């Protein structure tokens, strides 16, 4: 019988290579799944911001369309020579244009905040994991 003193039988308090490889595989799998979940969460947040930005830009286009229609009506009324009427229409058009500019700027900011949708924390965690594995090998 070969004894533990000769190094061929592992002591009972140590795990075999097979057990260690099994644990490594299991822990690596858990780590990858966790990183994927983190990446999904980060991308979901970015996509939500892009969606809100697109909605705000659609709102800006909506008000811009009506501002253009009011400006056309203003030009027609101004040509008819009734000063009070075109002045009122011009005031409405200016208010709509201000709303258009505000919505467009807010929408652009939201789009800039959400694009490109990169999972920054997940990428950083993977880099840290790779560094930890490299240190463990040395």
N, C-alpha and C. Protein backbone atom coordinates (compact mmCIF):
# COMPACT_ATOMS: atom_id res chain seq x y z
N UNK A 1 0.84 -1.18 0.00
CA UNK A 1 0.00 0.00 0.00
C UNK A 1 0.88 1.24 0.00
N UNK A 2 0.48 2.23 -0.76
CA UNK A 2 1.23 3.48 -0.85
C UNK A 2 0.67 4.42 0.19
N UNK A 3 1.55 5.09 0.91
CA UNK A 3 1.11 5.98 1.99
C UNK A 3 1.12 7.42 1.53
N UNK A 4 0.48 8.27 2.34
CA UNK A 4 0.41 9.70 2.04
C UNK A 4 1.78 10.35 2.12
N UNK A 5 2.70 9.75 2.88
CA UNK A 5 4.03 10.36 3.01
C UNK A 5 4.81 10.31 1.71
N UNK A 6 4.48 9.37 0.82
CA UNK A 6 5.16 9.31 -0.46
C UNK A 6 4.52 10.21 -1.51
N UNK A 7 3.39 10.84 -1.20
CA UNK A 7 2.78 11.81 -2.10
C UNK A 7 1.91 11.22 -3.19
N UNK A 8 1.59 9.95 -3.16
CA UNK A 8 0.77 9.38 -4.22
C UNK A 8 -0.71 9.31 -3.85
N UNK A 9 -1.04 9.35 -2.58
CA UNK A 9 -2.43 9.33 -2.15
C UNK A 9 -2.73 10.68 -1.52
N UNK A 10 -3.73 11.40 -2.01
CA UNK A 10 -4.01 12.72 -1.45
C UNK A 10 -4.55 12.60 -0.03
N UNK A 11 -4.16 13.50 0.85
CA UNK A 11 -4.69 13.49 2.21
C UNK A 11 -6.21 13.71 2.17
N UNK A 12 -6.91 13.27 3.18
CA UNK A 12 -8.36 13.35 3.18
C UNK A 12 -8.88 14.78 3.27
N UNK A 13 -8.07 15.72 3.76
CA UNK A 13 -8.54 17.10 3.88
C UNK A 13 -8.31 17.90 2.59
N UNK A 14 -7.72 17.31 1.59
CA UNK A 14 -7.52 17.99 0.31
C UNK A 14 -8.41 17.35 -0.75
N UNK A 15 -8.81 18.18 -1.75
CA UNK A 15 -9.67 17.67 -2.81
C UNK A 15 -8.82 17.15 -3.96
N UNK A 16 -9.39 16.23 -4.69
CA UNK A 16 -8.67 15.69 -5.84
C UNK A 16 -8.70 16.69 -6.99
N UNK A 17 -7.85 16.46 -7.97
CA UNK A 17 -7.80 17.33 -9.15
C UNK A 17 -9.17 17.33 -9.84
N UNK A 18 -9.79 16.19 -9.93
CA UNK A 18 -11.12 16.08 -10.55
C UNK A 18 -12.15 16.93 -9.83
N UNK A 19 -12.11 16.87 -8.49
CA UNK A 19 -13.05 17.68 -7.71
C UNK A 19 -12.79 19.17 -7.90
N UNK A 20 -11.52 19.53 -7.90
CA UNK A 20 -11.17 20.94 -8.10
C UNK A 20 -11.60 21.43 -9.48
N UNK A 21 -11.37 20.61 -10.50
CA UNK A 21 -11.78 20.99 -11.85
C UNK A 21 -13.31 21.10 -11.94
N UNK A 22 -14.00 20.21 -11.24
CA UNK A 22 -15.46 20.27 -11.22
C UNK A 22 -15.95 21.57 -10.58
N UNK A 23 -15.33 21.93 -9.45
CA UNK A 23 -15.70 23.19 -8.78
C UNK A 23 -15.36 24.39 -9.66
N UNK A 24 -14.20 24.33 -10.32
CA UNK A 24 -13.81 25.43 -11.21
C UNK A 24 -14.83 25.60 -12.33
N UNK A 25 -15.24 24.49 -12.91
CA UNK A 25 -16.23 24.54 -13.99
C UNK A 25 -17.55 25.12 -13.49
N UNK A 26 -17.99 24.66 -12.33
CA UNK A 26 -19.26 25.14 -11.76
C UNK A 26 -19.19 26.63 -11.43
N UNK A 27 -18.11 27.06 -10.80
CA UNK A 27 -17.97 28.47 -10.43
C UNK A 27 -17.81 29.35 -11.66
N UNK A 28 -17.10 28.86 -12.66
CA UNK A 28 -16.95 29.63 -13.90
C UNK A 28 -18.30 29.81 -14.57
N UNK A 29 -19.08 28.76 -14.58
CA UNK A 29 -20.41 28.82 -15.18
C UNK A 29 -21.29 29.83 -14.45
N UNK A 30 -21.26 29.81 -13.12
CA UNK A 30 -22.04 30.77 -12.33
C UNK A 30 -21.57 32.19 -12.60
N UNK A 31 -20.27 32.38 -12.70
CA UNK A 31 -19.71 33.71 -12.95
C UNK A 31 -20.15 34.23 -14.31
N UNK A 32 -20.09 33.40 -15.32
CA UNK A 32 -20.50 33.81 -16.67
C UNK A 32 -21.98 34.17 -16.68
N UNK A 33 -22.81 33.34 -16.02
CA UNK A 33 -24.25 33.65 -15.97
C UNK A 33 -24.50 34.97 -15.26
N UNK A 34 -23.79 35.23 -14.18
CA UNK A 34 -23.96 36.49 -13.45
C UNK A 34 -23.56 37.68 -14.31
N UNK A 35 -22.47 37.56 -15.03
CA UNK A 35 -22.01 38.65 -15.89
C UNK A 35 -23.01 38.90 -17.03
N UNK A 36 -23.59 37.83 -17.56
CA UNK A 36 -24.59 37.98 -18.62
C UNK A 36 -25.82 38.70 -18.08
N UNK A 37 -26.26 38.35 -16.88
CA UNK A 37 -27.41 39.03 -16.28
C UNK A 37 -27.12 40.51 -16.06
N UNK A 38 -25.92 40.84 -15.61
CA UNK A 38 -25.55 42.24 -15.41
C UNK A 38 -25.55 42.98 -16.74
N UNK A 39 -25.01 42.37 -17.77
CA UNK A 39 -24.98 42.99 -19.10
C UNK A 39 -26.40 43.23 -19.61
N UNK A 40 -27.30 42.26 -19.41
CA UNK A 40 -28.69 42.43 -19.83
C UNK A 40 -29.33 43.61 -19.11
N UNK A 41 -29.09 43.73 -17.81
CA UNK A 41 -29.69 44.82 -17.04
C UNK A 41 -29.18 46.17 -17.53
N UNK A 42 -27.89 46.27 -17.80
CA UNK A 42 -27.32 47.54 -18.26
C UNK A 42 -27.84 47.90 -19.65
N UNK A 43 -27.92 46.94 -20.54
CA UNK A 43 -28.41 47.22 -21.89
C UNK A 43 -29.89 47.61 -21.84
N UNK A 44 -30.65 46.96 -20.97
CA UNK A 44 -32.07 47.29 -20.83
C UNK A 44 -32.25 48.74 -20.40
N UNK A 45 -31.41 49.22 -19.48
CA UNK A 45 -31.48 50.61 -19.04
C UNK A 45 -31.16 51.55 -20.19
N UNK A 46 -30.14 51.24 -20.97
CA UNK A 46 -29.77 52.10 -22.10
C UNK A 46 -30.86 52.12 -23.16
N UNK A 47 -31.45 50.97 -23.43
CA UNK A 47 -32.52 50.89 -24.44
C UNK A 47 -33.72 51.71 -23.99
N UNK A 48 -34.00 51.67 -22.69
CA UNK A 48 -35.12 52.46 -22.16
C UNK A 48 -34.87 53.95 -22.38
N UNK A 49 -33.64 54.41 -22.12
CA UNK A 49 -33.31 55.83 -22.34
C UNK A 49 -33.47 56.21 -23.81
N UNK A 50 -33.03 55.34 -24.69
CA UNK A 50 -33.15 55.60 -26.13
C UNK A 50 -34.63 55.67 -26.52
N UNK A 51 -35.44 54.80 -25.96
CA UNK A 51 -36.88 54.81 -26.25
C UNK A 51 -37.53 56.11 -25.80
N UNK A 52 -37.18 56.58 -24.61
CA UNK A 52 -37.73 57.84 -24.12
C UNK A 52 -37.27 58.99 -25.01
N UNK A 53 -36.01 58.99 -25.40
CA UNK A 53 -35.49 60.03 -26.29
C UNK A 53 -36.21 60.04 -27.62
N UNK A 54 -36.47 58.87 -28.16
CA UNK A 54 -37.18 58.78 -29.44
C UNK A 54 -38.61 59.30 -29.28
N UNK A 55 -39.24 59.00 -28.15
CA UNK A 55 -40.59 59.51 -27.90
C UNK A 55 -40.63 61.02 -27.80
N UNK A 56 -39.62 61.59 -27.13
CA UNK A 56 -39.55 63.05 -27.03
C UNK A 56 -39.33 63.69 -28.40
N UNK A 57 -38.50 63.07 -29.22
CA UNK A 57 -38.29 63.59 -30.58
C UNK A 57 -39.57 63.48 -31.42
N UNK A 58 -40.32 62.42 -31.22
CA UNK A 58 -41.60 62.29 -31.92
C UNK A 58 -42.55 63.41 -31.48
N UNK A 59 -42.54 63.72 -30.18
CA UNK A 59 -43.34 64.84 -29.68
C UNK A 59 -42.91 66.16 -30.29
N UNK A 60 -41.61 66.34 -30.44
CA UNK A 60 -41.09 67.56 -31.07
C UNK A 60 -41.56 67.64 -32.52
N UNK A 61 -41.54 66.53 -33.23
CA UNK A 61 -42.00 66.52 -34.62
C UNK A 61 -43.50 66.84 -34.70
N UNK A 62 -44.26 66.31 -33.77
CA UNK A 62 -45.70 66.57 -33.72
C UNK A 62 -45.98 68.06 -33.56
N UNK A 63 -45.36 68.69 -32.56
CA UNK A 63 -45.57 70.12 -32.34
C UNK A 63 -44.97 70.96 -33.47
N UNK A 64 -43.88 70.51 -34.04
CA UNK A 64 -43.28 71.22 -35.18
C UNK A 64 -44.21 71.25 -36.38
N UNK A 65 -44.89 70.15 -36.61
CA UNK A 65 -45.85 70.10 -37.72
C UNK A 65 -46.96 71.13 -37.53
N UNK A 66 -47.52 71.19 -36.32
CA UNK A 66 -48.59 72.16 -36.08
C UNK A 66 -48.08 73.59 -36.08
N UNK A 67 -46.85 73.81 -35.63
CA UNK A 67 -46.28 75.15 -35.69
C UNK A 67 -46.16 75.61 -37.14
N UNK A 68 -45.75 74.71 -38.00
CA UNK A 68 -45.65 75.05 -39.42
C UNK A 68 -47.04 75.39 -39.99
N UNK A 69 -48.05 74.61 -39.61
CA UNK A 69 -49.42 74.88 -40.08
C UNK A 69 -49.90 76.24 -39.58
N UNK A 70 -49.58 76.56 -38.34
CA UNK A 70 -49.99 77.86 -37.78
C UNK A 70 -49.23 78.99 -38.48
N UNK A 71 -47.95 78.78 -38.77
CA UNK A 71 -47.19 79.81 -39.49
C UNK A 71 -47.77 80.05 -40.88
N UNK A 72 -48.20 79.01 -41.53
CA UNK A 72 -48.85 79.17 -42.83
C UNK A 72 -50.16 79.96 -42.68
N UNK A 73 -50.94 79.62 -41.67
CA UNK A 73 -52.18 80.35 -41.43
C UNK A 73 -51.88 81.81 -41.10
N UNK A 74 -50.79 82.04 -40.37
CA UNK A 74 -50.39 83.41 -40.02
C UNK A 74 -50.05 84.21 -41.28
N UNK A 75 -49.33 83.61 -42.19
CA UNK A 75 -48.97 84.30 -43.42
C UNK A 75 -50.22 84.66 -44.22
N UNK A 76 -51.15 83.74 -44.27
CA UNK A 76 -52.40 84.00 -45.01
C UNK A 76 -53.18 85.13 -44.35
N UNK A 77 -53.29 85.06 -43.04
CA UNK A 77 -54.04 86.09 -42.32
C UNK A 77 -53.33 87.45 -42.42
N UNK A 78 -52.00 87.45 -42.36
CA UNK A 78 -51.25 88.71 -42.46
C UNK A 78 -51.47 89.36 -43.82
N UNK A 79 -51.53 88.56 -44.82
CA UNK A 79 -51.77 89.10 -46.16
C UNK A 79 -53.18 89.67 -46.31
N UNK A 80 -54.09 89.20 -45.52
CA UNK A 80 -55.46 89.71 -45.62
C UNK A 80 -55.61 91.10 -45.01
N UNK A 81 -54.59 91.56 -44.30
CA UNK A 81 -54.58 92.92 -43.78
C UNK A 81 -55.22 93.10 -42.42
N UNK A 82 -55.54 92.07 -41.76
CA UNK A 82 -56.14 92.21 -40.43
C UNK A 82 -55.04 92.00 -39.39
N UNK A 83 -54.48 93.08 -38.91
CA UNK A 83 -53.32 93.03 -38.04
C UNK A 83 -53.54 92.21 -36.77
N UNK A 84 -54.60 92.39 -36.07
CA UNK A 84 -54.83 91.69 -34.80
C UNK A 84 -54.90 90.17 -35.00
N UNK A 85 -55.46 89.75 -36.05
CA UNK A 85 -55.61 88.33 -36.32
C UNK A 85 -54.26 87.64 -36.56
N UNK A 86 -53.42 88.21 -37.39
CA UNK A 86 -52.14 87.57 -37.67
C UNK A 86 -51.20 87.64 -36.48
N UNK A 87 -51.33 88.70 -35.68
CA UNK A 87 -50.49 88.80 -34.49
C UNK A 87 -50.83 87.68 -33.50
N UNK A 88 -52.09 87.39 -33.35
CA UNK A 88 -52.50 86.29 -32.47
C UNK A 88 -51.99 84.95 -33.01
N UNK A 89 -52.12 84.75 -34.29
CA UNK A 89 -51.64 83.51 -34.89
C UNK A 89 -50.13 83.38 -34.76
N UNK A 90 -49.41 84.50 -34.90
CA UNK A 90 -47.95 84.48 -34.75
C UNK A 90 -47.56 84.11 -33.33
N UNK A 91 -48.27 84.62 -32.35
CA UNK A 91 -47.99 84.30 -30.95
C UNK A 91 -48.16 82.79 -30.71
N UNK A 92 -49.21 82.21 -31.23
CA UNK A 92 -49.43 80.76 -31.09
C UNK A 92 -48.29 79.99 -31.75
N UNK A 93 -47.87 80.42 -32.90
CA UNK A 93 -46.78 79.73 -33.61
C UNK A 93 -45.48 79.80 -32.82
N UNK A 94 -45.19 80.95 -32.22
CA UNK A 94 -43.96 81.10 -31.43
C UNK A 94 -43.99 80.15 -30.22
N UNK A 95 -45.12 80.09 -29.55
CA UNK A 95 -45.24 79.18 -28.39
C UNK A 95 -45.02 77.73 -28.83
N UNK A 96 -45.62 77.33 -29.93
CA UNK A 96 -45.44 75.97 -30.43
C UNK A 96 -43.98 75.70 -30.82
N UNK A 97 -43.32 76.69 -31.41
CA UNK A 97 -41.91 76.51 -31.78
C UNK A 97 -41.03 76.38 -30.54
N UNK A 98 -41.34 77.13 -29.49
CA UNK A 98 -40.57 77.00 -28.24
C UNK A 98 -40.74 75.58 -27.70
N UNK A 99 -41.96 75.07 -27.69
CA UNK A 99 -42.19 73.69 -27.25
C UNK A 99 -41.41 72.69 -28.11
N UNK A 100 -41.38 72.93 -29.40
CA UNK A 100 -40.65 72.06 -30.33
C UNK A 100 -39.17 72.02 -30.00
N UNK A 101 -38.58 73.19 -29.77
CA UNK A 101 -37.15 73.26 -29.46
C UNK A 101 -36.85 72.57 -28.14
N UNK A 102 -37.66 72.81 -27.12
CA UNK A 102 -37.43 72.19 -25.81
C UNK A 102 -37.51 70.67 -25.92
N UNK A 103 -38.54 70.15 -26.57
CA UNK A 103 -38.67 68.70 -26.71
C UNK A 103 -37.54 68.10 -27.54
N UNK A 104 -37.13 68.79 -28.58
CA UNK A 104 -36.03 68.29 -29.42
C UNK A 104 -34.73 68.22 -28.63
N UNK A 105 -34.44 69.24 -27.83
CA UNK A 105 -33.21 69.24 -27.03
C UNK A 105 -33.25 68.15 -25.96
N UNK A 106 -34.40 67.99 -25.30
CA UNK A 106 -34.52 66.93 -24.30
C UNK A 106 -34.39 65.54 -24.94
N UNK A 107 -35.01 65.36 -26.09
CA UNK A 107 -34.91 64.08 -26.79
C UNK A 107 -33.50 63.77 -27.23
N UNK A 108 -32.79 64.76 -27.74
CA UNK A 108 -31.41 64.57 -28.16
C UNK A 108 -30.53 64.19 -26.98
N UNK A 109 -30.75 64.85 -25.84
CA UNK A 109 -29.97 64.54 -24.64
C UNK A 109 -30.21 63.09 -24.21
N UNK A 110 -31.47 62.66 -24.22
CA UNK A 110 -31.77 61.28 -23.84
C UNK A 110 -31.14 60.28 -24.80
N UNK A 111 -31.17 60.58 -26.08
CA UNK A 111 -30.54 59.69 -27.06
C UNK A 111 -29.03 59.63 -26.86
N UNK A 112 -28.42 60.77 -26.57
CA UNK A 112 -26.97 60.79 -26.34
C UNK A 112 -26.61 60.02 -25.08
N UNK A 113 -27.46 60.09 -24.03
CA UNK A 113 -27.19 59.37 -22.78
C UNK A 113 -27.27 57.86 -22.96
N UNK A 114 -28.14 57.40 -23.85
CA UNK A 114 -28.35 55.96 -23.99
C UNK A 114 -27.59 55.29 -25.10
N UNK A 115 -26.86 56.02 -25.90
CA UNK A 115 -26.20 55.42 -27.06
C UNK A 115 -24.70 55.55 -26.94
N UNK A 116 -23.92 54.60 -27.28
CA UNK A 116 -24.33 53.24 -27.63
C UNK A 116 -24.62 52.45 -26.36
N UNK A 117 -25.53 51.49 -26.42
CA UNK A 117 -25.86 50.74 -25.21
C UNK A 117 -24.78 49.71 -24.88
N UNK A 118 -23.82 50.12 -24.06
CA UNK A 118 -22.74 49.20 -23.68
C UNK A 118 -22.87 48.85 -22.20
N UNK A 119 -22.72 47.60 -21.85
CA UNK A 119 -22.79 47.18 -20.45
C UNK A 119 -21.46 47.46 -19.74
N UNK A 120 -21.25 48.70 -19.35
CA UNK A 120 -19.95 49.12 -18.82
C UNK A 120 -19.55 48.36 -17.55
N UNK A 121 -20.48 48.19 -16.62
CA UNK A 121 -20.13 47.48 -15.38
C UNK A 121 -19.79 46.02 -15.66
N UNK A 122 -20.55 45.39 -16.56
CA UNK A 122 -20.27 43.99 -16.88
C UNK A 122 -18.90 43.85 -17.53
N UNK A 123 -18.56 44.76 -18.43
CA UNK A 123 -17.26 44.72 -19.09
C UNK A 123 -16.15 44.89 -18.05
N UNK A 124 -16.34 45.82 -17.13
CA UNK A 124 -15.34 46.05 -16.08
C UNK A 124 -15.20 44.81 -15.19
N UNK A 125 -16.33 44.18 -14.84
CA UNK A 125 -16.27 42.98 -14.01
C UNK A 125 -15.56 41.84 -14.72
N UNK A 126 -15.79 41.68 -16.00
CA UNK A 126 -15.11 40.62 -16.76
C UNK A 126 -13.60 40.88 -16.77
N UNK A 127 -13.21 42.14 -16.95
CA UNK A 127 -11.78 42.48 -16.92
C UNK A 127 -11.18 42.12 -15.56
N UNK A 128 -11.90 42.45 -14.49
CA UNK A 128 -11.41 42.12 -13.15
C UNK A 128 -11.32 40.61 -12.96
N UNK A 129 -12.31 39.88 -13.48
CA UNK A 129 -12.29 38.42 -13.37
C UNK A 129 -11.09 37.83 -14.12
N UNK A 130 -10.83 38.34 -15.31
CA UNK A 130 -9.69 37.85 -16.10
C UNK A 130 -8.39 38.14 -15.36
N UNK A 131 -8.28 39.35 -14.80
CA UNK A 131 -7.08 39.69 -14.04
C UNK A 131 -6.91 38.77 -12.83
N UNK A 132 -8.01 38.46 -12.14
CA UNK A 132 -7.94 37.59 -10.97
C UNK A 132 -7.49 36.19 -11.37
N UNK A 133 -7.99 35.69 -12.49
CA UNK A 133 -7.59 34.36 -12.95
C UNK A 133 -6.11 34.36 -13.33
N UNK A 134 -5.66 35.44 -14.01
CA UNK A 134 -4.25 35.53 -14.38
C UNK A 134 -3.36 35.54 -13.15
N UNK A 135 -3.77 36.29 -12.12
CA UNK A 135 -2.98 36.34 -10.88
C UNK A 135 -2.97 34.97 -10.20
N UNK A 136 -4.09 34.26 -10.27
CA UNK A 136 -4.16 32.94 -9.66
C UNK A 136 -3.28 31.92 -10.35
N UNK A 137 -3.00 32.13 -11.63
CA UNK A 137 -2.15 31.20 -12.37
C UNK A 137 -0.67 31.42 -12.10
N UNK A 138 -0.34 32.58 -11.59
CA UNK A 138 1.09 32.88 -11.34
C UNK A 138 1.50 32.53 -9.95
